[in-house]
mmCIF file of all heavy atoms, coordinates in Angstrom:
data_MODEL
# 
_entry.id   MODEL 
# 
loop_
_atom_site.group_PDB 
_atom_site.id 
_atom_site.type_symbol 
_atom_site.label_atom_id 
_atom_site.label_alt_id 
_atom_site.label_comp_id 
_atom_site.label_asym_id 
_atom_site.label_entity_id 
_atom_site.label_seq_id 
_atom_site.pdbx_PDB_ins_code 
_atom_site.Cartn_x 
_atom_site.Cartn_y 
_atom_site.Cartn_z 
_atom_site.occupancy 
_atom_site.B_iso_or_equiv 
_atom_site.pdbx_formal_charge 
_atom_site.auth_seq_id 
_atom_site.auth_comp_id 
_atom_site.auth_asym_id 
_atom_site.auth_atom_id 
_atom_site.pdbx_PDB_model_num 
ATOM 1   N N   . ILE A 1 1  ? -12.518 -42.379 -23.445 1.00 0.00 ? 1  ILE A N   1 
ATOM 2   C CA  . ILE A 1 1  ? -13.546 -41.338 -23.526 1.00 0.00 ? 1  ILE A CA  1 
ATOM 3   C C   . ILE A 1 1  ? -13.859 -40.721 -22.163 1.00 0.00 ? 1  ILE A C   1 
ATOM 4   O O   . ILE A 1 1  ? -13.951 -39.491 -22.046 1.00 0.00 ? 1  ILE A O   1 
ATOM 5   C CB  . ILE A 1 1  ? -14.821 -41.909 -24.179 1.00 0.00 ? 1  ILE A CB  1 
ATOM 6   C CG1 . ILE A 1 1  ? -14.503 -42.464 -25.577 1.00 0.00 ? 1  ILE A CG1 1 
ATOM 7   C CG2 . ILE A 1 1  ? -15.898 -40.853 -24.259 1.00 0.00 ? 1  ILE A CG2 1 
ATOM 8   C CD1 . ILE A 1 1  ? -13.908 -41.450 -26.514 1.00 0.00 ? 1  ILE A CD1 1 
ATOM 9   N N   . PRO A 1 2  ? -14.049 -41.496 -21.079 1.00 0.00 ? 2  PRO A N   1 
ATOM 10  C CA  . PRO A 1 2  ? -14.396 -40.873 -19.785 1.00 0.00 ? 2  PRO A CA  1 
ATOM 11  C C   . PRO A 1 2  ? -13.392 -39.843 -19.286 1.00 0.00 ? 2  PRO A C   1 
ATOM 12  O O   . PRO A 1 2  ? -13.811 -38.737 -18.885 1.00 0.00 ? 2  PRO A O   1 
ATOM 13  C CB  . PRO A 1 2  ? -14.493 -42.085 -18.838 1.00 0.00 ? 2  PRO A CB  1 
ATOM 14  C CG  . PRO A 1 2  ? -14.852 -43.220 -19.719 1.00 0.00 ? 2  PRO A CG  1 
ATOM 15  C CD  . PRO A 1 2  ? -14.132 -42.967 -21.001 1.00 0.00 ? 2  PRO A CD  1 
ATOM 16  N N   . PRO A 1 3  ? -12.058 -40.098 -19.311 1.00 0.00 ? 3  PRO A N   1 
ATOM 17  C CA  . PRO A 1 3  ? -11.138 -39.049 -18.858 1.00 0.00 ? 3  PRO A CA  1 
ATOM 18  C C   . PRO A 1 3  ? -11.183 -37.786 -19.718 1.00 0.00 ? 3  PRO A C   1 
ATOM 19  O O   . PRO A 1 3  ? -11.081 -36.672 -19.186 1.00 0.00 ? 3  PRO A O   1 
ATOM 20  C CB  . PRO A 1 3  ? -9.756  -39.726 -18.930 1.00 0.00 ? 3  PRO A CB  1 
ATOM 21  C CG  . PRO A 1 3  ? -10.022 -41.175 -18.914 1.00 0.00 ? 3  PRO A CG  1 
ATOM 22  C CD  . PRO A 1 3  ? -11.334 -41.351 -19.590 1.00 0.00 ? 3  PRO A CD  1 
ATOM 23  N N   . ILE A 1 4  ? -11.327 -37.965 -21.039 1.00 0.00 ? 4  ILE A N   1 
ATOM 24  C CA  . ILE A 1 4  ? -11.372 -36.801 -21.930 1.00 0.00 ? 4  ILE A CA  1 
ATOM 25  C C   . ILE A 1 4  ? -12.602 -35.948 -21.625 1.00 0.00 ? 4  ILE A C   1 
ATOM 26  O O   . ILE A 1 4  ? -12.525 -34.717 -21.492 1.00 0.00 ? 4  ILE A O   1 
ATOM 27  C CB  . ILE A 1 4  ? -11.357 -37.244 -23.402 1.00 0.00 ? 4  ILE A CB  1 
ATOM 28  C CG1 . ILE A 1 4  ? -10.009 -37.873 -23.761 1.00 0.00 ? 4  ILE A CG1 1 
ATOM 29  C CG2 . ILE A 1 4  ? -11.640 -36.071 -24.330 1.00 0.00 ? 4  ILE A CG2 1 
ATOM 30  C CD1 . ILE A 1 4  ? -9.937  -38.411 -25.168 1.00 0.00 ? 4  ILE A CD1 1 
ATOM 31  N N   . PHE A 1 5  ? -13.769 -36.584 -21.494 1.00 0.00 ? 5  PHE A N   1 
ATOM 32  C CA  . PHE A 1 5  ? -14.988 -35.842 -21.214 1.00 0.00 ? 5  PHE A CA  1 
ATOM 33  C C   . PHE A 1 5  ? -14.926 -35.179 -19.839 1.00 0.00 ? 5  PHE A C   1 
ATOM 34  O O   . PHE A 1 5  ? -15.291 -34.010 -19.680 1.00 0.00 ? 5  PHE A O   1 
ATOM 35  C CB  . PHE A 1 5  ? -16.205 -36.780 -21.297 1.00 0.00 ? 5  PHE A CB  1 
ATOM 36  C CG  . PHE A 1 5  ? -16.789 -36.892 -22.661 1.00 0.00 ? 5  PHE A CG  1 
ATOM 37  C CD1 . PHE A 1 5  ? -15.999 -36.703 -23.775 1.00 0.00 ? 5  PHE A CD1 1 
ATOM 38  C CD2 . PHE A 1 5  ? -18.123 -37.193 -22.844 1.00 0.00 ? 5  PHE A CD2 1 
ATOM 39  C CE1 . PHE A 1 5  ? -16.518 -36.815 -25.045 1.00 0.00 ? 5  PHE A CE1 1 
ATOM 40  C CE2 . PHE A 1 5  ? -18.665 -37.302 -24.113 1.00 0.00 ? 5  PHE A CE2 1 
ATOM 41  C CZ  . PHE A 1 5  ? -17.863 -37.107 -25.212 1.00 0.00 ? 5  PHE A CZ  1 
ATOM 42  N N   . ALA A 1 6  ? -14.463 -35.922 -18.829 1.00 0.00 ? 6  ALA A N   1 
ATOM 43  C CA  . ALA A 1 6  ? -14.433 -35.383 -17.470 1.00 0.00 ? 6  ALA A CA  1 
ATOM 44  C C   . ALA A 1 6  ? -13.478 -34.201 -17.364 1.00 0.00 ? 6  ALA A C   1 
ATOM 45  O O   . ALA A 1 6  ? -13.816 -33.161 -16.775 1.00 0.00 ? 6  ALA A O   1 
ATOM 46  C CB  . ALA A 1 6  ? -14.035 -36.481 -16.485 1.00 0.00 ? 6  ALA A CB  1 
ATOM 47  N N   . SER A 1 7  ? -12.286 -34.326 -17.935 1.00 0.00 ? 7  SER A N   1 
ATOM 48  C CA  . SER A 1 7  ? -11.317 -33.228 -17.867 1.00 0.00 ? 7  SER A CA  1 
ATOM 49  C C   . SER A 1 7  ? -11.779 -32.029 -18.672 1.00 0.00 ? 7  SER A C   1 
ATOM 50  O O   . SER A 1 7  ? -11.570 -30.875 -18.260 1.00 0.00 ? 7  SER A O   1 
ATOM 51  C CB  . SER A 1 7  ? -9.948  -33.710 -18.365 1.00 0.00 ? 7  SER A CB  1 
ATOM 52  O OG  . SER A 1 7  ? -10.038 -34.192 -19.694 1.00 0.00 ? 7  SER A OG  1 
ATOM 53  N N   . SER A 1 8  ? -12.432 -32.261 -19.816 1.00 0.00 ? 8  SER A N   1 
ATOM 54  C CA  . SER A 1 8  ? -12.925 -31.144 -20.628 1.00 0.00 ? 8  SER A CA  1 
ATOM 55  C C   . SER A 1 8  ? -13.997 -30.357 -19.880 1.00 0.00 ? 8  SER A C   1 
ATOM 56  O O   . SER A 1 8  ? -13.994 -29.118 -19.883 1.00 0.00 ? 8  SER A O   1 
ATOM 57  C CB  . SER A 1 8  ? -13.476 -31.661 -21.957 1.00 0.00 ? 8  SER A CB  1 
ATOM 58  O OG  . SER A 1 8  ? -12.472 -32.307 -22.713 1.00 0.00 ? 8  SER A OG  1 
ATOM 59  N N   . LEU A 1 9  ? -14.927 -31.064 -19.243 1.00 0.00 ? 9  LEU A N   1 
ATOM 60  C CA  . LEU A 1 9  ? -15.991 -30.381 -18.516 1.00 0.00 ? 9  LEU A CA  1 
ATOM 61  C C   . LEU A 1 9  ? -15.445 -29.606 -17.322 1.00 0.00 ? 9  LEU A C   1 
ATOM 62  O O   . LEU A 1 9  ? -15.939 -28.530 -16.989 1.00 0.00 ? 9  LEU A O   1 
ATOM 63  C CB  . LEU A 1 9  ? -17.040 -31.397 -18.040 1.00 0.00 ? 9  LEU A CB  1 
ATOM 64  C CG  . LEU A 1 9  ? -17.922 -32.010 -19.124 1.00 0.00 ? 9  LEU A CG  1 
ATOM 65  C CD1 . LEU A 1 9  ? -18.883 -33.020 -18.516 1.00 0.00 ? 9  LEU A CD1 1 
ATOM 66  C CD2 . LEU A 1 9  ? -18.699 -30.933 -19.870 1.00 0.00 ? 9  LEU A CD2 1 
ATOM 67  N N   . LEU A 1 10 ? -14.425 -30.144 -16.671 1.00 0.00 ? 10 LEU A N   1 
ATOM 68  C CA  . LEU A 1 10 ? -13.859 -29.460 -15.508 1.00 0.00 ? 10 LEU A CA  1 
ATOM 69  C C   . LEU A 1 10 ? -13.004 -28.257 -15.902 1.00 0.00 ? 10 LEU A C   1 
ATOM 70  O O   . LEU A 1 10 ? -13.010 -27.229 -15.215 1.00 0.00 ? 10 LEU A O   1 
ATOM 71  C CB  . LEU A 1 10 ? -13.011 -30.437 -14.686 1.00 0.00 ? 10 LEU A CB  1 
ATOM 72  C CG  . LEU A 1 10 ? -13.757 -31.299 -13.674 1.00 0.00 ? 10 LEU A CG  1 
ATOM 73  C CD1 . LEU A 1 10 ? -12.788 -32.246 -12.980 1.00 0.00 ? 10 LEU A CD1 1 
ATOM 74  C CD2 . LEU A 1 10 ? -14.464 -30.445 -12.642 1.00 0.00 ? 10 LEU A CD2 1 
ATOM 75  N N   . LEU A 1 11 ? -12.258 -28.392 -16.994 1.00 0.00 ? 11 LEU A N   1 
ATOM 76  C CA  . LEU A 1 11 ? -11.353 -27.317 -17.391 1.00 0.00 ? 11 LEU A CA  1 
ATOM 77  C C   . LEU A 1 11 ? -12.056 -26.211 -18.165 1.00 0.00 ? 11 LEU A C   1 
ATOM 78  O O   . LEU A 1 11 ? -11.516 -25.111 -18.281 1.00 0.00 ? 11 LEU A O   1 
ATOM 79  C CB  . LEU A 1 11 ? -10.216 -27.889 -18.237 1.00 0.00 ? 11 LEU A CB  1 
ATOM 80  C CG  . LEU A 1 11 ? -9.251  -28.811 -17.499 1.00 0.00 ? 11 LEU A CG  1 
ATOM 81  C CD1 . LEU A 1 11 ? -8.242  -29.405 -18.464 1.00 0.00 ? 11 LEU A CD1 1 
ATOM 82  C CD2 . LEU A 1 11 ? -8.538  -28.078 -16.383 1.00 0.00 ? 11 LEU A CD2 1 
ATOM 83  N N   . LEU A 1 12 ? -13.250 -26.487 -18.695 1.00 0.00 ? 12 LEU A N   1 
ATOM 84  C CA  . LEU A 1 12 ? -13.964 -25.462 -19.453 1.00 0.00 ? 12 LEU A CA  1 
ATOM 85  C C   . LEU A 1 12 ? -14.329 -24.257 -18.588 1.00 0.00 ? 12 LEU A C   1 
ATOM 86  O O   . LEU A 1 12 ? -14.066 -23.110 -18.985 1.00 0.00 ? 12 LEU A O   1 
ATOM 87  C CB  . LEU A 1 12 ? -15.207 -26.070 -20.096 1.00 0.00 ? 12 LEU A CB  1 
ATOM 88  C CG  . LEU A 1 12 ? -15.992 -25.162 -21.043 1.00 0.00 ? 12 LEU A CG  1 
ATOM 89  C CD1 . LEU A 1 12 ? -15.102 -24.697 -22.192 1.00 0.00 ? 12 LEU A CD1 1 
ATOM 90  C CD2 . LEU A 1 12 ? -17.219 -25.881 -21.570 1.00 0.00 ? 12 LEU A CD2 1 
ATOM 91  N N   . PRO A 1 13 ? -14.928 -24.424 -17.391 1.00 0.00 ? 13 PRO A N   1 
ATOM 92  C CA  . PRO A 1 13 ? -15.188 -23.228 -16.557 1.00 0.00 ? 13 PRO A CA  1 
ATOM 93  C C   . PRO A 1 13 ? -13.913 -22.493 -16.164 1.00 0.00 ? 13 PRO A C   1 
ATOM 94  O O   . PRO A 1 13 ? -13.915 -21.261 -16.086 1.00 0.00 ? 13 PRO A O   1 
ATOM 95  C CB  . PRO A 1 13 ? -15.886 -23.813 -15.318 1.00 0.00 ? 13 PRO A CB  1 
ATOM 96  C CG  . PRO A 1 13 ? -16.407 -25.134 -15.746 1.00 0.00 ? 13 PRO A CG  1 
ATOM 97  C CD  . PRO A 1 13 ? -15.447 -25.649 -16.768 1.00 0.00 ? 13 PRO A CD  1 
ATOM 98  N N   . LEU A 1 14 ? -12.840 -23.249 -15.922 1.00 0.00 ? 14 LEU A N   1 
ATOM 99  C CA  . LEU A 1 14 ? -11.580 -22.610 -15.545 1.00 0.00 ? 14 LEU A CA  1 
ATOM 100 C C   . LEU A 1 14 ? -11.041 -21.749 -16.681 1.00 0.00 ? 14 LEU A C   1 
ATOM 101 O O   . LEU A 1 14 ? -10.566 -20.629 -16.458 1.00 0.00 ? 14 LEU A O   1 
ATOM 102 C CB  . LEU A 1 14 ? -10.559 -23.677 -15.155 1.00 0.00 ? 14 LEU A CB  1 
ATOM 103 C CG  . LEU A 1 14 ? -9.175  -23.188 -14.716 1.00 0.00 ? 14 LEU A CG  1 
ATOM 104 C CD1 . LEU A 1 14 ? -9.296  -22.295 -13.507 1.00 0.00 ? 14 LEU A CD1 1 
ATOM 105 C CD2 . LEU A 1 14 ? -8.261  -24.363 -14.433 1.00 0.00 ? 14 LEU A CD2 1 
ATOM 106 N N   . THR A 1 15 ? -11.126 -22.248 -17.903 1.00 0.00 ? 15 THR A N   1 
ATOM 107 C CA  . THR A 1 15 ? -10.638 -21.482 -19.051 1.00 0.00 ? 15 THR A CA  1 
ATOM 108 C C   . THR A 1 15 ? -11.478 -20.223 -19.271 1.00 0.00 ? 15 THR A C   1 
ATOM 109 O O   . THR A 1 15 ? -10.956 -19.138 -19.529 1.00 0.00 ? 15 THR A O   1 
ATOM 110 C CB  . THR A 1 15 ? -10.664 -22.358 -20.313 1.00 0.00 ? 15 THR A CB  1 
ATOM 111 O OG1 . THR A 1 15 ? -9.868  -23.518 -20.092 1.00 0.00 ? 15 THR A OG1 1 
ATOM 112 C CG2 . THR A 1 15 ? -10.109 -21.603 -21.507 1.00 0.00 ? 15 THR A CG2 1 
ATOM 113 N N   . ILE A 1 16 ? -12.815 -20.375 -19.165 1.00 0.00 ? 16 ILE A N   1 
ATOM 114 C CA  . ILE A 1 16 ? -13.694 -19.216 -19.341 1.00 0.00 ? 16 ILE A CA  1 
ATOM 115 C C   . ILE A 1 16 ? -13.422 -18.166 -18.265 1.00 0.00 ? 16 ILE A C   1 
ATOM 116 O O   . ILE A 1 16 ? -13.362 -16.958 -18.544 1.00 0.00 ? 16 ILE A O   1 
ATOM 117 C CB  . ILE A 1 16 ? -15.163 -19.666 -19.301 1.00 0.00 ? 16 ILE A CB  1 
ATOM 118 C CG1 . ILE A 1 16 ? -15.468 -20.559 -20.507 1.00 0.00 ? 16 ILE A CG1 1 
ATOM 119 C CG2 . ILE A 1 16 ? -16.097 -18.460 -19.292 1.00 0.00 ? 16 ILE A CG2 1 
ATOM 120 C CD1 . ILE A 1 16 ? -16.864 -21.138 -20.488 1.00 0.00 ? 16 ILE A CD1 1 
ATOM 121 N N   . SER A 1 17 ? -13.226 -18.623 -17.031 1.00 0.00 ? 17 SER A N   1 
ATOM 122 C CA  . SER A 1 17 ? -12.961 -17.676 -15.946 1.00 0.00 ? 17 SER A CA  1 
ATOM 123 C C   . SER A 1 17 ? -11.622 -16.983 -16.131 1.00 0.00 ? 17 SER A C   1 
ATOM 124 O O   . SER A 1 17 ? -11.469 -15.805 -15.778 1.00 0.00 ? 17 SER A O   1 
ATOM 125 C CB  . SER A 1 17 ? -12.998 -18.404 -14.599 1.00 0.00 ? 17 SER A CB  1 
ATOM 126 O OG  . SER A 1 17 ? -11.941 -19.349 -14.510 1.00 0.00 ? 17 SER A OG  1 
ATOM 127 N N   . GLN A 1 18 ? -10.635 -17.695 -16.695 1.00 0.00 ? 18 GLN A N   1 
ATOM 128 C CA  . GLN A 1 18 ? -9.334  -17.071 -16.927 1.00 0.00 ? 18 GLN A CA  1 
ATOM 129 C C   . GLN A 1 18 ? -9.436  -15.971 -17.979 1.00 0.00 ? 18 GLN A C   1 
ATOM 130 O O   . GLN A 1 18 ? -8.861  -14.895 -17.833 1.00 0.00 ? 18 GLN A O   1 
ATOM 131 C CB  . GLN A 1 18 ? -8.315  -18.126 -17.362 1.00 0.00 ? 18 GLN A CB  1 
ATOM 132 C CG  . GLN A 1 18 ? -7.833  -19.009 -16.226 1.00 0.00 ? 18 GLN A CG  1 
ATOM 133 C CD  . GLN A 1 18 ? -6.890  -20.084 -16.707 1.00 0.00 ? 18 GLN A CD  1 
ATOM 134 O OE1 . GLN A 1 18 ? -6.830  -20.383 -17.896 1.00 0.00 ? 18 GLN A OE1 1 
ATOM 135 N NE2 . GLN A 1 18 ? -6.162  -20.677 -15.790 1.00 0.00 ? 18 GLN A NE2 1 
ATOM 136 N N   . PHE A 1 19 ? -10.180 -16.244 -19.067 1.00 0.00 ? 19 PHE A N   1 
ATOM 137 C CA  . PHE A 1 19 ? -10.339 -15.222 -20.100 1.00 0.00 ? 19 PHE A CA  1 
ATOM 138 C C   . PHE A 1 19 ? -11.182 -14.056 -19.577 1.00 0.00 ? 19 PHE A C   1 
ATOM 139 O O   . PHE A 1 19 ? -10.897 -12.890 -19.856 1.00 0.00 ? 19 PHE A O   1 
ATOM 140 C CB  . PHE A 1 19 ? -10.992 -15.824 -21.343 1.00 0.00 ? 19 PHE A CB  1 
ATOM 141 C CG  . PHE A 1 19 ? -10.022 -16.514 -22.248 1.00 0.00 ? 19 PHE A CG  1 
ATOM 142 C CD1 . PHE A 1 19 ? -9.877  -17.891 -22.214 1.00 0.00 ? 19 PHE A CD1 1 
ATOM 143 C CD2 . PHE A 1 19 ? -9.236  -15.801 -23.131 1.00 0.00 ? 19 PHE A CD2 1 
ATOM 144 C CE1 . PHE A 1 19 ? -8.976  -18.546 -23.038 1.00 0.00 ? 19 PHE A CE1 1 
ATOM 145 C CE2 . PHE A 1 19 ? -8.334  -16.430 -23.962 1.00 0.00 ? 19 PHE A CE2 1 
ATOM 146 C CZ  . PHE A 1 19 ? -8.202  -17.809 -23.915 1.00 0.00 ? 19 PHE A CZ  1 
ATOM 147 N N   . ALA A 1 20 ? -12.232 -14.397 -18.800 1.00 0.00 ? 20 ALA A N   1 
ATOM 148 C CA  . ALA A 1 20 ? -13.104 -13.330 -18.286 1.00 0.00 ? 20 ALA A CA  1 
ATOM 149 C C   . ALA A 1 20 ? -12.424 -12.526 -17.200 1.00 0.00 ? 20 ALA A C   1 
ATOM 150 O O   . ALA A 1 20 ? -12.717 -11.339 -17.015 1.00 0.00 ? 20 ALA A O   1 
ATOM 151 C CB  . ALA A 1 20 ? -14.397 -13.931 -17.746 1.00 0.00 ? 20 ALA A CB  1 
ATOM 152 N N   . GLY A 1 21 ? -11.497 -13.159 -16.489 1.00 0.00 ? 21 GLY A N   1 
ATOM 153 C CA  . GLY A 1 21 ? -10.835 -12.473 -15.388 1.00 0.00 ? 21 GLY A CA  1 
ATOM 154 C C   . GLY A 1 21 ? -9.997  -11.295 -15.820 1.00 0.00 ? 21 GLY A C   1 
ATOM 155 O O   . GLY A 1 21 ? -9.699  -10.410 -15.021 1.00 0.00 ? 21 GLY A O   1 
ATOM 156 N N   . ASN A 1 22 ? -9.599  -11.237 -17.078 1.00 0.00 ? 22 ASN A N   1 
ATOM 157 C CA  . ASN A 1 22 ? -8.775  -10.130 -17.547 1.00 0.00 ? 22 ASN A CA  1 
ATOM 158 C C   . ASN A 1 22 ? -9.570  -8.841  -17.709 1.00 0.00 ? 22 ASN A C   1 
ATOM 159 O O   . ASN A 1 22 ? -9.007  -7.758  -17.735 1.00 0.00 ? 22 ASN A O   1 
ATOM 160 C CB  . ASN A 1 22 ? -8.123  -10.504 -18.890 1.00 0.00 ? 22 ASN A CB  1 
ATOM 161 C CG  . ASN A 1 22 ? -7.117  -11.623 -18.743 1.00 0.00 ? 22 ASN A CG  1 
ATOM 162 O OD1 . ASN A 1 22 ? -6.083  -11.465 -18.121 1.00 0.00 ? 22 ASN A OD1 1 
ATOM 163 N ND2 . ASN A 1 22 ? -7.417  -12.776 -19.310 1.00 0.00 ? 22 ASN A ND2 1 
ATOM 164 N N   . SER A 1 23 ? -10.897 -8.969  -17.836 1.00 0.00 ? 23 SER A N   1 
ATOM 165 C CA  . SER A 1 23 ? -11.730 -7.786  -18.041 1.00 0.00 ? 23 SER A CA  1 
ATOM 166 C C   . SER A 1 23 ? -12.666 -7.520  -16.874 1.00 0.00 ? 23 SER A C   1 
ATOM 167 O O   . SER A 1 23 ? -13.558 -6.688  -16.982 1.00 0.00 ? 23 SER A O   1 
ATOM 168 C CB  . SER A 1 23 ? -12.560 -7.953  -19.328 1.00 0.00 ? 23 SER A CB  1 
ATOM 169 O OG  . SER A 1 23 ? -13.347 -9.124  -19.254 1.00 0.00 ? 23 SER A OG  1 
ATOM 170 N N   . VAL A 1 24 ? -12.487 -8.254  -15.764 1.00 0.00 ? 24 VAL A N   1 
ATOM 171 C CA  . VAL A 1 24 ? -13.377 -8.111  -14.611 1.00 0.00 ? 24 VAL A CA  1 
ATOM 172 C C   . VAL A 1 24 ? -12.587 -7.513  -13.457 1.00 0.00 ? 24 VAL A C   1 
ATOM 173 O O   . VAL A 1 24 ? -11.433 -7.891  -13.212 1.00 0.00 ? 24 VAL A O   1 
ATOM 174 C CB  . VAL A 1 24 ? -13.981 -9.479  -14.212 1.00 0.00 ? 24 VAL A CB  1 
ATOM 175 C CG1 . VAL A 1 24 ? -14.796 -9.342  -12.930 1.00 0.00 ? 24 VAL A CG1 1 
ATOM 176 C CG2 . VAL A 1 24 ? -14.853 -10.011 -15.333 1.00 0.00 ? 24 VAL A CG2 1 
ATOM 177 N N   . ASP A 1 25 ? -13.204 -6.597  -12.731 1.00 0.00 ? 25 ASP A N   1 
ATOM 178 C CA  . ASP A 1 25 ? -12.578 -5.988  -11.568 1.00 0.00 ? 25 ASP A CA  1 
ATOM 179 C C   . ASP A 1 25 ? -12.483 -7.013  -10.446 1.00 0.00 ? 25 ASP A C   1 
ATOM 180 O O   . ASP A 1 25 ? -13.492 -7.612  -10.039 1.00 0.00 ? 25 ASP A O   1 
ATOM 181 C CB  . ASP A 1 25 ? -13.396 -4.779  -11.119 1.00 0.00 ? 25 ASP A CB  1 
ATOM 182 C CG  . ASP A 1 25 ? -12.707 -4.029  -9.976  1.00 0.00 ? 25 ASP A CG  1 
ATOM 183 O OD1 . ASP A 1 25 ? -11.528 -4.336  -9.692  1.00 0.00 ? 25 ASP A OD1 1 
ATOM 184 O OD2 . ASP A 1 25 ? -13.354 -3.138  -9.401  1.00 0.00 ? 25 ASP A OD2 1 
ATOM 185 N N   . ALA A 1 26 ? -11.277 -7.237  -9.930  1.00 0.00 ? 26 ALA A N   1 
ATOM 186 C CA  . ALA A 1 26 ? -11.076 -8.247  -8.895  1.00 0.00 ? 26 ALA A CA  1 
ATOM 187 C C   . ALA A 1 26 ? -11.748 -7.874  -7.587  1.00 0.00 ? 26 ALA A C   1 
ATOM 188 O O   . ALA A 1 26 ? -12.019 -8.759  -6.752  1.00 0.00 ? 26 ALA A O   1 
ATOM 189 C CB  . ALA A 1 26 ? -9.578  -8.476  -8.667  1.00 0.00 ? 26 ALA A CB  1 
ATOM 190 N N   . ASP A 1 27 ? -12.042 -6.583  -7.359  1.00 0.00 ? 27 ASP A N   1 
ATOM 191 C CA  . ASP A 1 27 ? -12.662 -6.165  -6.110  1.00 0.00 ? 27 ASP A CA  1 
ATOM 192 C C   . ASP A 1 27 ? -14.177 -6.329  -6.115  1.00 0.00 ? 27 ASP A C   1 
ATOM 193 O O   . ASP A 1 27 ? -14.816 -6.234  -5.057  1.00 0.00 ? 27 ASP A O   1 
ATOM 194 C CB  . ASP A 1 27 ? -12.321 -4.699  -5.826  1.00 0.00 ? 27 ASP A CB  1 
ATOM 195 C CG  . ASP A 1 27 ? -10.817 -4.514  -5.603  1.00 0.00 ? 27 ASP A CG  1 
ATOM 196 O OD1 . ASP A 1 27 ? -10.177 -5.477  -5.128  1.00 0.00 ? 27 ASP A OD1 1 
ATOM 197 O OD2 . ASP A 1 27 ? -10.295 -3.424  -5.924  1.00 0.00 ? 27 ASP A OD2 1 
ATOM 198 N N   . SER A 1 28 ? -14.758 -6.558  -7.270  1.00 0.00 ? 28 SER A N   1 
ATOM 199 C CA  . SER A 1 28 ? -16.202 -6.724  -7.359  1.00 0.00 ? 28 SER A CA  1 
ATOM 200 C C   . SER A 1 28 ? -16.610 -8.126  -6.900  1.00 0.00 ? 28 SER A C   1 
ATOM 201 O O   . SER A 1 28 ? -15.775 -9.017  -6.711  1.00 0.00 ? 28 SER A O   1 
ATOM 202 C CB  . SER A 1 28 ? -16.680 -6.476  -8.793  1.00 0.00 ? 28 SER A CB  1 
ATOM 203 O OG  . SER A 1 28 ? -16.116 -7.434  -9.667  1.00 0.00 ? 28 SER A OG  1 
ATOM 204 N N   . GLY A 1 29 ? -17.923 -8.309  -6.722  1.00 0.00 ? 29 GLY A N   1 
ATOM 205 C CA  . GLY A 1 29 ? -18.414 -9.614  -6.290  1.00 0.00 ? 29 GLY A CA  1 
ATOM 206 C C   . GLY A 1 29 ? -18.161 -10.694 -7.323  1.00 0.00 ? 29 GLY A C   1 
ATOM 207 O O   . GLY A 1 29 ? -17.755 -11.810 -6.995  1.00 0.00 ? 29 GLY A O   1 
ATOM 208 N N   . PHE A 1 30 ? -18.388 -10.352 -8.591  1.00 0.00 ? 30 PHE A N   1 
ATOM 209 C CA  . PHE A 1 30 ? -18.146 -11.331 -9.648  1.00 0.00 ? 30 PHE A CA  1 
ATOM 210 C C   . PHE A 1 30 ? -16.663 -11.642 -9.772  1.00 0.00 ? 30 PHE A C   1 
ATOM 211 O O   . PHE A 1 30 ? -16.270 -12.784 -10.028 1.00 0.00 ? 30 PHE A O   1 
ATOM 212 C CB  . PHE A 1 30 ? -18.693 -10.802 -10.973 1.00 0.00 ? 30 PHE A CB  1 
ATOM 213 C CG  . PHE A 1 30 ? -18.552 -11.776 -12.117 1.00 0.00 ? 30 PHE A CG  1 
ATOM 214 C CD1 . PHE A 1 30 ? -19.308 -12.926 -12.172 1.00 0.00 ? 30 PHE A CD1 1 
ATOM 215 C CD2 . PHE A 1 30 ? -17.643 -11.523 -13.141 1.00 0.00 ? 30 PHE A CD2 1 
ATOM 216 C CE1 . PHE A 1 30 ? -19.175 -13.818 -13.223 1.00 0.00 ? 30 PHE A CE1 1 
ATOM 217 C CE2 . PHE A 1 30 ? -17.498 -12.409 -14.186 1.00 0.00 ? 30 PHE A CE2 1 
ATOM 218 C CZ  . PHE A 1 30 ? -18.276 -13.556 -14.235 1.00 0.00 ? 30 PHE A CZ  1 
# 
């Protein structure tokens, strides 16, 4: 359970940022 929970919590922001990065201007602050 600990590795599954730890990896899920760490990879969740990365996945969201990858999906959001396709619609966000790279030159902006965000």
